């Protein structure tokens, strides 16, 4: 499923991906969801007014990747794992 030399995953992580399936680890996201994921990954907890897409944020909350309270938004553990699985930690400016 993954290339043998995929530098984003350790051998243990590759086995986990093969066991649960890549789609569960890195599901399809809309452009709005990807922008919000990047924003929260790069900046950490972010005020509602600074979120690039409210609809993208709402979708990520419904999927369990983002949590929010009192006007603040942040990645859940699952959201952080998703961001890393999608290679955001390798993106320029991270």
Protein backbone atom coordinates (compact mmCIF):
# COMPACT_ATOMS: atom_id res chain seq x y z
CA UNK A 1 0.00 0.00 0.00
CA UNK A 2 2.78 2.46 0.88
CA UNK A 3 6.10 2.63 -0.86
CA UNK A 4 8.87 0.96 1.08
CA UNK A 5 10.92 4.14 1.33
CA UNK A 6 8.11 6.50 2.35
CA UNK A 7 10.06 8.71 4.75
CA UNK A 8 6.90 9.98 6.50
CA UNK A 9 6.28 6.66 8.26
CA UNK A 10 8.34 4.38 10.50
CA UNK A 11 8.04 0.61 9.86
CA UNK A 12 5.64 0.37 12.82
CA UNK A 13 3.47 3.18 11.41
CA UNK A 14 3.48 1.52 7.97
CA UNK A 15 2.09 -1.67 9.54
CA UNK A 16 -0.60 0.38 11.29
CA UNK A 17 -1.53 2.04 8.00
CA UNK A 18 -1.71 -1.32 6.27
CA UNK A 19 -3.83 -2.73 9.13
CA UNK A 20 -6.39 0.10 9.29
CA UNK A 21 -6.24 1.30 5.71
CA UNK A 22 -4.81 4.54 4.34
CA UNK A 23 -8.25 6.11 3.80
CA UNK A 24 -8.99 6.05 7.55
CA UNK A 25 -5.61 7.56 8.36
CA UNK A 26 -5.74 10.19 5.62
CA UNK A 27 -9.33 10.71 4.45
CA UNK A 28 -10.37 12.94 1.57
CA UNK A 29 -10.80 16.54 2.68
CA UNK A 30 -12.32 19.53 0.93
CA UNK A 31 -10.16 22.53 0.14
CA UNK A 32 -11.73 24.43 3.05
CA UNK A 33 -10.94 21.58 5.43
CA UNK A 34 -7.33 21.39 4.20
CA UNK A 35 -6.87 25.14 4.75
CA UNK A 36 -8.21 24.95 8.31
CA UNK A 37 -6.10 21.87 9.05
CA UNK A 38 -2.97 23.71 7.86
CA UNK A 39 -3.87 26.87 9.80
CA UNK A 40 -4.38 25.00 13.08
CA UNK A 41 -1.32 22.82 12.55
CA UNK A 42 0.90 25.82 11.82
CA UNK A 43 -0.48 28.30 14.37
CA UNK A 44 -1.91 26.08 17.11
CA UNK A 45 -5.06 27.21 18.92
CA UNK A 46 -6.72 29.87 16.77
CA UNK A 47 -9.48 32.39 17.46
CA UNK A 48 -12.70 32.01 15.43
CA UNK A 49 -12.10 35.27 13.58
CA UNK A 50 -8.75 34.00 12.26
CA UNK A 51 -10.00 30.64 10.92
CA UNK A 52 -9.80 30.64 7.09
CA UNK A 53 -13.11 28.77 6.65
CA UNK A 54 -15.94 28.37 9.15
CA UNK A 55 -17.54 25.64 7.05
CA UNK A 56 -14.22 23.75 6.84
CA UNK A 57 -13.81 24.09 10.59
CA UNK A 58 -17.35 22.82 11.21
CA UNK A 59 -16.72 19.75 9.04
CA UNK A 60 -13.44 18.98 10.85
CA UNK A 61 -15.21 19.34 14.22
CA UNK A 62 -17.92 16.90 13.08
CA UNK A 63 -15.21 14.42 12.03
CA UNK A 64 -13.40 14.73 15.36
CA UNK A 65 -10.24 16.40 14.02
CA UNK A 66 -10.86 19.82 15.58
CA UNK A 67 -12.25 20.88 18.96
CA UNK A 68 -13.58 24.28 19.89
CA UNK A 69 -14.61 26.16 23.02
CA UNK A 70 -15.20 29.80 23.94
CA UNK A 71 -14.22 31.05 20.49
CA UNK A 72 -10.98 29.04 20.24
CA UNK A 73 -10.26 26.15 17.86
CA UNK A 74 -7.50 23.54 18.06
CA UNK A 75 -6.52 20.18 16.61
CA UNK A 76 -7.46 17.08 18.54
CA UNK A 77 -4.97 14.23 18.82
CA UNK A 78 -6.62 12.68 15.77
CA UNK A 79 -6.33 16.00 13.92
CA UNK A 80 -2.61 16.24 14.70
CA UNK A 81 -2.11 12.66 13.54
CA UNK A 82 -4.01 13.44 10.33
CA UNK A 83 -1.89 16.55 9.68
CA UNK A 84 1.34 14.59 10.09
CA UNK A 85 0.02 11.71 7.96
CA UNK A 86 -0.71 14.24 5.21
CA UNK A 87 2.89 15.52 5.44
CA UNK A 88 2.10 18.99 6.79
CA UNK A 89 5.13 18.86 9.07
CA UNK A 90 7.26 18.79 5.89
CA UNK A 91 5.51 21.76 4.28
CA UNK A 92 7.60 24.90 3.87
CA UNK A 93 6.78 27.41 6.57
CA UNK A 94 5.79 24.80 9.15
